[in-house]
């Protein structure tokens, strides 16, 4: 961290690890929600996790592009790009689920089955 551009003097390795753990905890929550079959909440957490990847751009508030190494710039850009892709895909998935429910393919059909209604199609 001593060589990282613009690092505040009071920043510690421990604080950086805690920040990293906090961000990645969102992905862990998404995984747990998916295991619990809470798909919409899991997908929302994945969208949030993806958006958190955009915070990597804050590295450039600490130091200009030219002050970072090629490896650091590549990592920052990859985090931003992958975060954006994940967030967009998650939102598209949520929109797809919402459109299916709005078309009568979702909860109303499940509720009818739960209440004992039968369908001529199956």
N, C-alpha and C. Protein backbone atom coordinates (compact mmCIF):
# COMPACT_ATOMS: atom_id res chain seq x y z
N UNK A 1 0.81 -1.19 0.00
CA UNK A 1 0.00 0.00 0.00
C UNK A 1 0.85 1.26 0.00
N UNK A 2 2.08 1.14 0.43
CA UNK A 2 2.96 2.29 0.47
C UNK A 2 3.16 2.86 -0.94
N UNK A 3 3.16 1.98 -1.94
CA UNK A 3 3.42 2.41 -3.31
C UNK A 3 2.14 2.73 -4.07
N UNK A 4 1.01 2.54 -3.46
CA UNK A 4 -0.26 2.79 -4.15
C UNK A 4 -0.53 4.28 -4.18
N UNK A 5 -0.88 4.82 -5.37
CA UNK A 5 -1.04 6.27 -5.48
C UNK A 5 -2.19 6.81 -4.63
N UNK A 6 -1.89 7.88 -3.89
CA UNK A 6 -2.92 8.60 -3.15
C UNK A 6 -3.47 7.90 -1.93
N UNK A 7 -2.81 6.85 -1.46
CA UNK A 7 -3.30 6.13 -0.28
C UNK A 7 -3.17 7.03 0.94
N UNK A 8 -4.27 7.21 1.68
CA UNK A 8 -4.18 8.02 2.91
C UNK A 8 -3.21 7.40 3.89
N UNK A 9 -2.55 8.24 4.67
CA UNK A 9 -1.54 7.74 5.61
C UNK A 9 -2.14 6.84 6.68
N UNK A 10 -3.41 7.06 7.03
CA UNK A 10 -4.01 6.27 8.10
C UNK A 10 -4.66 4.98 7.60
N UNK A 11 -4.58 4.70 6.30
CA UNK A 11 -5.14 3.46 5.75
C UNK A 11 -4.28 2.28 6.18
N UNK A 12 -4.95 1.19 6.56
CA UNK A 12 -4.24 0.00 6.98
C UNK A 12 -4.62 -1.18 6.10
N UNK A 13 -3.77 -2.20 6.11
CA UNK A 13 -4.09 -3.42 5.39
C UNK A 13 -5.37 -4.03 5.92
N UNK A 14 -5.54 -3.98 7.22
CA UNK A 14 -6.73 -4.56 7.85
C UNK A 14 -8.00 -3.88 7.35
N UNK A 15 -7.97 -2.56 7.22
CA UNK A 15 -9.14 -1.81 6.73
C UNK A 15 -9.45 -2.21 5.29
N UNK A 16 -8.40 -2.41 4.49
CA UNK A 16 -8.61 -2.81 3.09
C UNK A 16 -9.22 -4.21 3.02
N UNK A 17 -8.73 -5.12 3.85
CA UNK A 17 -9.29 -6.47 3.87
C UNK A 17 -10.74 -6.47 4.34
N UNK A 18 -11.06 -5.64 5.33
CA UNK A 18 -12.44 -5.56 5.81
C UNK A 18 -13.36 -5.01 4.72
N UNK A 19 -12.89 -4.03 3.98
CA UNK A 19 -13.69 -3.48 2.87
C UNK A 19 -13.92 -4.56 1.81
N UNK A 20 -12.87 -5.31 1.51
CA UNK A 20 -12.99 -6.39 0.52
C UNK A 20 -13.97 -7.45 1.02
N UNK A 21 -13.90 -7.80 2.29
CA UNK A 21 -14.81 -8.79 2.86
C UNK A 21 -16.26 -8.29 2.84
N UNK A 22 -16.46 -7.03 3.13
CA UNK A 22 -17.82 -6.46 3.13
C UNK A 22 -18.45 -6.54 1.74
N UNK A 23 -17.68 -6.20 0.72
CA UNK A 23 -18.19 -6.26 -0.65
C UNK A 23 -18.51 -7.70 -1.03
N UNK A 24 -17.61 -8.60 -0.72
CA UNK A 24 -17.81 -9.99 -1.10
C UNK A 24 -18.85 -10.70 -0.25
N UNK A 25 -19.18 -10.14 0.90
CA UNK A 25 -20.26 -10.70 1.72
C UNK A 25 -21.59 -10.59 0.98
N UNK A 26 -21.73 -9.58 0.13
CA UNK A 26 -22.96 -9.43 -0.65
C UNK A 26 -23.12 -10.63 -1.59
N UNK A 27 -22.04 -11.07 -2.20
CA UNK A 27 -22.10 -12.25 -3.07
C UNK A 27 -22.41 -13.50 -2.26
N UNK A 28 -21.86 -13.60 -1.08
CA UNK A 28 -22.14 -14.74 -0.21
C UNK A 28 -23.62 -14.77 0.19
N UNK A 29 -24.18 -13.62 0.51
CA UNK A 29 -25.60 -13.54 0.83
C UNK A 29 -26.43 -13.98 -0.38
N UNK A 30 -26.03 -13.55 -1.58
CA UNK A 30 -26.74 -13.97 -2.79
C UNK A 30 -26.71 -15.48 -2.94
N UNK A 31 -25.58 -16.10 -2.67
CA UNK A 31 -25.46 -17.55 -2.78
C UNK A 31 -26.37 -18.25 -1.76
N UNK A 32 -26.38 -17.75 -0.54
CA UNK A 32 -27.24 -18.35 0.50
C UNK A 32 -28.71 -18.20 0.11
N UNK A 33 -29.09 -17.03 -0.38
CA UNK A 33 -30.48 -16.82 -0.80
C UNK A 33 -30.86 -17.75 -1.95
N UNK A 34 -29.93 -17.98 -2.86
CA UNK A 34 -30.20 -18.90 -3.97
C UNK A 34 -30.37 -20.32 -3.45
N UNK A 35 -29.56 -20.73 -2.51
CA UNK A 35 -29.68 -22.06 -1.91
C UNK A 35 -31.03 -22.21 -1.22
N UNK A 36 -31.49 -21.13 -0.60
CA UNK A 36 -32.79 -21.15 0.09
C UNK A 36 -33.95 -20.99 -0.88
N UNK A 37 -33.66 -20.99 -2.17
CA UNK A 37 -34.65 -20.87 -3.23
C UNK A 37 -35.41 -19.54 -3.18
N UNK A 38 -34.68 -18.49 -2.85
CA UNK A 38 -35.21 -17.13 -2.85
C UNK A 38 -34.59 -16.39 -4.04
N UNK A 39 -34.97 -16.84 -5.23
CA UNK A 39 -34.33 -16.40 -6.46
C UNK A 39 -34.35 -14.91 -6.71
N UNK A 40 -35.48 -14.25 -6.44
CA UNK A 40 -35.57 -12.82 -6.71
C UNK A 40 -34.62 -12.06 -5.80
N UNK A 41 -34.62 -12.40 -4.51
CA UNK A 41 -33.71 -11.73 -3.59
C UNK A 41 -32.25 -12.03 -3.93
N UNK A 42 -31.97 -13.25 -4.31
CA UNK A 42 -30.61 -13.61 -4.69
C UNK A 42 -30.17 -12.80 -5.91
N UNK A 43 -31.07 -12.66 -6.88
CA UNK A 43 -30.75 -11.91 -8.09
C UNK A 43 -30.55 -10.43 -7.77
N UNK A 44 -31.36 -9.89 -6.86
CA UNK A 44 -31.17 -8.50 -6.43
C UNK A 44 -29.80 -8.31 -5.77
N UNK A 45 -29.41 -9.26 -4.95
CA UNK A 45 -28.08 -9.19 -4.31
C UNK A 45 -26.97 -9.26 -5.36
N UNK A 46 -27.16 -10.10 -6.37
CA UNK A 46 -26.15 -10.18 -7.43
C UNK A 46 -26.07 -8.86 -8.20
N UNK A 47 -27.21 -8.22 -8.43
CA UNK A 47 -27.19 -6.92 -9.11
C UNK A 47 -26.44 -5.90 -8.25
N UNK A 48 -26.70 -5.91 -6.96
CA UNK A 48 -25.98 -5.00 -6.05
C UNK A 48 -24.49 -5.30 -6.05
N UNK A 49 -24.14 -6.57 -6.00
CA UNK A 49 -22.73 -6.97 -6.03
C UNK A 49 -22.06 -6.48 -7.31
N UNK A 50 -22.77 -6.62 -8.42
CA UNK A 50 -22.22 -6.12 -9.68
C UNK A 50 -22.01 -4.61 -9.65
N UNK A 51 -22.98 -3.90 -9.12
CA UNK A 51 -22.85 -2.44 -9.04
C UNK A 51 -21.70 -2.03 -8.12
N UNK A 52 -21.45 -2.84 -7.10
CA UNK A 52 -20.31 -2.54 -6.22
C UNK A 52 -18.98 -2.63 -6.98
N UNK A 53 -18.97 -3.40 -8.06
CA UNK A 53 -17.76 -3.45 -8.89
C UNK A 53 -17.43 -2.10 -9.51
N UNK A 54 -18.44 -1.27 -9.69
CA UNK A 54 -18.20 0.06 -10.25
C UNK A 54 -17.44 0.97 -9.29
N UNK A 55 -17.46 0.61 -8.00
CA UNK A 55 -16.71 1.42 -7.03
C UNK A 55 -15.21 1.31 -7.25
N UNK A 56 -14.78 0.37 -8.06
CA UNK A 56 -13.36 0.27 -8.38
C UNK A 56 -12.85 1.53 -9.07
N UNK A 57 -13.77 2.25 -9.70
CA UNK A 57 -13.39 3.52 -10.34
C UNK A 57 -12.90 4.54 -9.33
N UNK A 58 -13.23 4.33 -8.06
CA UNK A 58 -12.78 5.27 -7.03
C UNK A 58 -11.26 5.24 -6.87
N UNK A 59 -10.61 4.20 -7.39
CA UNK A 59 -9.14 4.18 -7.37
C UNK A 59 -8.58 5.40 -8.10
N UNK A 60 -9.31 5.85 -9.11
CA UNK A 60 -8.82 6.98 -9.89
C UNK A 60 -9.06 8.32 -9.20
N UNK A 61 -9.82 8.31 -8.11
CA UNK A 61 -9.93 9.52 -7.27
C UNK A 61 -8.66 9.66 -6.42
N UNK A 62 -8.00 8.53 -6.19
CA UNK A 62 -6.76 8.54 -5.40
C UNK A 62 -5.54 8.84 -6.26
N UNK A 63 -5.58 8.42 -7.50
CA UNK A 63 -4.43 8.65 -8.38
C UNK A 63 -4.86 8.51 -9.83
N UNK A 64 -4.23 9.29 -10.69
CA UNK A 64 -4.56 9.26 -12.11
C UNK A 64 -4.22 7.92 -12.73
N UNK A 65 -4.81 7.68 -13.90
CA UNK A 65 -4.55 6.46 -14.67
C UNK A 65 -3.04 6.23 -14.80
N UNK A 66 -2.32 7.28 -15.14
CA UNK A 66 -0.88 7.16 -15.38
C UNK A 66 -0.09 6.84 -14.11
N UNK A 67 -0.68 7.06 -12.93
CA UNK A 67 0.02 6.78 -11.68
C UNK A 67 -0.12 5.32 -11.26
N UNK A 68 -1.03 4.59 -11.89
CA UNK A 68 -1.23 3.17 -11.58
C UNK A 68 -0.41 2.33 -12.55
N UNK A 69 -0.06 1.14 -12.11
CA UNK A 69 0.67 0.23 -12.99
C UNK A 69 -0.29 -0.33 -14.04
N UNK A 70 0.27 -0.92 -15.06
CA UNK A 70 -0.54 -1.55 -16.10
C UNK A 70 -1.42 -2.64 -15.49
N UNK A 71 -0.86 -3.42 -14.58
CA UNK A 71 -1.63 -4.47 -13.92
C UNK A 71 -2.78 -3.91 -13.09
N UNK A 72 -2.53 -2.83 -12.37
CA UNK A 72 -3.58 -2.21 -11.56
C UNK A 72 -4.69 -1.66 -12.45
N UNK A 73 -4.32 -1.00 -13.54
CA UNK A 73 -5.33 -0.47 -14.46
C UNK A 73 -6.14 -1.60 -15.09
N UNK A 74 -5.48 -2.69 -15.45
CA UNK A 74 -6.19 -3.82 -16.05
C UNK A 74 -7.17 -4.43 -15.04
N UNK A 75 -6.74 -4.56 -13.79
CA UNK A 75 -7.60 -5.12 -12.76
C UNK A 75 -8.80 -4.22 -12.49
N UNK A 76 -8.55 -2.93 -12.38
CA UNK A 76 -9.64 -1.97 -12.13
C UNK A 76 -10.65 -2.02 -13.27
N UNK A 77 -10.16 -1.99 -14.50
CA UNK A 77 -11.07 -2.03 -15.66
C UNK A 77 -11.85 -3.34 -15.72
N UNK A 78 -11.19 -4.45 -15.41
CA UNK A 78 -11.87 -5.74 -15.42
C UNK A 78 -12.95 -5.80 -14.34
N UNK A 79 -12.67 -5.28 -13.16
CA UNK A 79 -13.67 -5.26 -12.08
C UNK A 79 -14.88 -4.44 -12.48
N UNK A 80 -14.64 -3.29 -13.09
CA UNK A 80 -15.74 -2.42 -13.51
C UNK A 80 -16.55 -3.09 -14.61
N UNK A 81 -15.88 -3.64 -15.60
CA UNK A 81 -16.57 -4.28 -16.72
C UNK A 81 -17.37 -5.49 -16.25
N UNK A 82 -16.76 -6.36 -15.47
CA UNK A 82 -17.46 -7.56 -15.00
C UNK A 82 -18.61 -7.19 -14.06
N UNK A 83 -18.41 -6.18 -13.23
CA UNK A 83 -19.48 -5.74 -12.35
C UNK A 83 -20.66 -5.21 -13.14
N UNK A 84 -20.37 -4.45 -14.17
CA UNK A 84 -21.43 -3.90 -15.02
C UNK A 84 -22.17 -5.02 -15.75
N UNK A 85 -21.44 -5.98 -16.29
CA UNK A 85 -22.06 -7.11 -16.99
C UNK A 85 -22.95 -7.89 -16.03
N UNK A 86 -22.46 -8.15 -14.82
CA UNK A 86 -23.25 -8.90 -13.84
C UNK A 86 -24.51 -8.13 -13.46
N UNK A 87 -24.39 -6.84 -13.22
CA UNK A 87 -25.55 -6.04 -12.83
C UNK A 87 -26.59 -6.02 -13.95
N UNK A 88 -26.15 -5.82 -15.18
CA UNK A 88 -27.09 -5.77 -16.31
C UNK A 88 -27.78 -7.12 -16.49
N UNK A 89 -27.02 -8.21 -16.41
CA UNK A 89 -27.62 -9.54 -16.56
C UNK A 89 -28.62 -9.83 -15.44
N UNK A 90 -28.29 -9.43 -14.23
CA UNK A 90 -29.20 -9.67 -13.11
C UNK A 90 -30.49 -8.88 -13.28
N UNK A 91 -30.37 -7.63 -13.68
CA UNK A 91 -31.57 -6.81 -13.90
C UNK A 91 -32.41 -7.37 -15.04
N UNK A 92 -31.76 -7.82 -16.11
CA UNK A 92 -32.50 -8.44 -17.21
C UNK A 92 -33.23 -9.69 -16.75
N UNK A 93 -32.59 -10.47 -15.88
CA UNK A 93 -33.23 -11.67 -15.34
C UNK A 93 -34.45 -11.30 -14.50
N UNK A 94 -34.32 -10.26 -13.68
CA UNK A 94 -35.45 -9.82 -12.88
C UNK A 94 -36.60 -9.33 -13.75
N UNK A 95 -36.27 -8.60 -14.82
CA UNK A 95 -37.31 -8.11 -15.73
C UNK A 95 -38.00 -9.27 -16.44
N UNK A 96 -37.23 -10.28 -16.80
CA UNK A 96 -37.79 -11.46 -17.45
C UNK A 96 -38.75 -12.18 -16.51
N UNK A 97 -38.36 -12.34 -15.25
CA UNK A 97 -39.24 -12.98 -14.27
C UNK A 97 -40.50 -12.16 -14.05
N UNK A 98 -40.34 -10.84 -14.00
CA UNK A 98 -41.50 -9.97 -13.78
C UNK A 98 -42.46 -10.03 -14.96
N UNK A 99 -41.94 -10.10 -16.17
CA UNK A 99 -42.82 -10.16 -17.34
C UNK A 99 -43.56 -11.49 -17.41
N UNK A 100 -42.93 -12.57 -16.98
CA UNK A 100 -43.61 -13.87 -16.95
C UNK A 100 -44.72 -13.87 -15.91
N UNK A 101 -44.48 -13.26 -14.78
CA UNK A 101 -45.51 -13.19 -13.74
C UNK A 101 -46.66 -12.32 -14.21
N UNK A 102 -46.35 -11.24 -14.88
CA UNK A 102 -47.40 -10.35 -15.38
C UNK A 102 -48.24 -11.01 -16.45
N UNK A 103 -47.68 -11.99 -17.13
CA UNK A 103 -48.40 -12.69 -18.19
C UNK A 103 -49.17 -13.90 -17.66
N UNK A 104 -49.18 -14.08 -16.34
CA UNK A 104 -49.93 -15.19 -15.75
C UNK A 104 -49.15 -16.47 -15.62
N UNK A 105 -47.83 -16.42 -15.77
CA UNK A 105 -47.02 -17.63 -15.67
C UNK A 105 -46.41 -17.82 -14.29
N UNK A 106 -46.69 -16.92 -13.38
CA UNK A 106 -45.96 -16.95 -12.11
C UNK A 106 -46.80 -17.36 -10.94
N UNK A 107 -46.89 -16.47 -9.99
CA UNK A 107 -47.45 -16.80 -8.69
C UNK A 107 -48.93 -17.17 -8.75
N UNK A 108 -49.70 -16.57 -9.66
CA UNK A 108 -51.14 -16.90 -9.69
C UNK A 108 -51.37 -18.36 -10.08
N UNK A 109 -50.58 -18.90 -10.97
CA UNK A 109 -50.71 -20.30 -11.35
C UNK A 109 -50.32 -21.21 -10.19
N UNK A 110 -49.26 -20.84 -9.48
CA UNK A 110 -48.84 -21.63 -8.31
C UNK A 110 -49.90 -21.57 -7.22
N UNK A 111 -50.49 -20.40 -7.01
CA UNK A 111 -51.53 -20.26 -5.99
C UNK A 111 -52.73 -21.12 -6.33
N UNK A 112 -53.11 -21.15 -7.58
CA UNK A 112 -54.25 -21.96 -8.01
C UNK A 112 -53.97 -23.45 -7.76
N UNK A 113 -52.76 -23.90 -8.08
CA UNK A 113 -52.41 -25.30 -7.84
C UNK A 113 -52.42 -25.62 -6.36
N UNK A 114 -51.89 -24.68 -5.55
CA UNK A 114 -51.86 -24.89 -4.11
C UNK A 114 -53.27 -24.99 -3.54
N UNK A 115 -54.19 -24.27 -4.11
CA UNK A 115 -55.57 -24.27 -3.62
C UNK A 115 -56.38 -25.42 -4.19
N UNK A 116 -55.76 -26.30 -4.96
CA UNK A 116 -56.44 -27.49 -5.45
C UNK A 116 -57.05 -27.34 -6.84
N UNK A 117 -56.86 -26.22 -7.48
CA UNK A 117 -57.43 -26.06 -8.83
C UNK A 117 -56.63 -26.93 -9.79
N UNK A 118 -57.33 -27.45 -10.79
CA UNK A 118 -56.67 -28.26 -11.79
C UNK A 118 -56.75 -27.56 -13.12
N UNK A 119 -55.86 -27.93 -13.98
CA UNK A 119 -55.82 -27.33 -15.30
C UNK A 119 -56.10 -28.40 -16.34
N UNK A 120 -56.74 -28.02 -17.39
CA UNK A 120 -57.00 -28.98 -18.47
C UNK A 120 -55.72 -29.31 -19.22
N UNK A 121 -54.66 -28.48 -19.02
CA UNK A 121 -53.41 -28.71 -19.74
C UNK A 121 -52.38 -29.43 -18.89
N UNK A 122 -52.72 -29.81 -17.70
CA UNK A 122 -51.71 -30.53 -17.06
C UNK A 122 -51.51 -30.58 -15.66
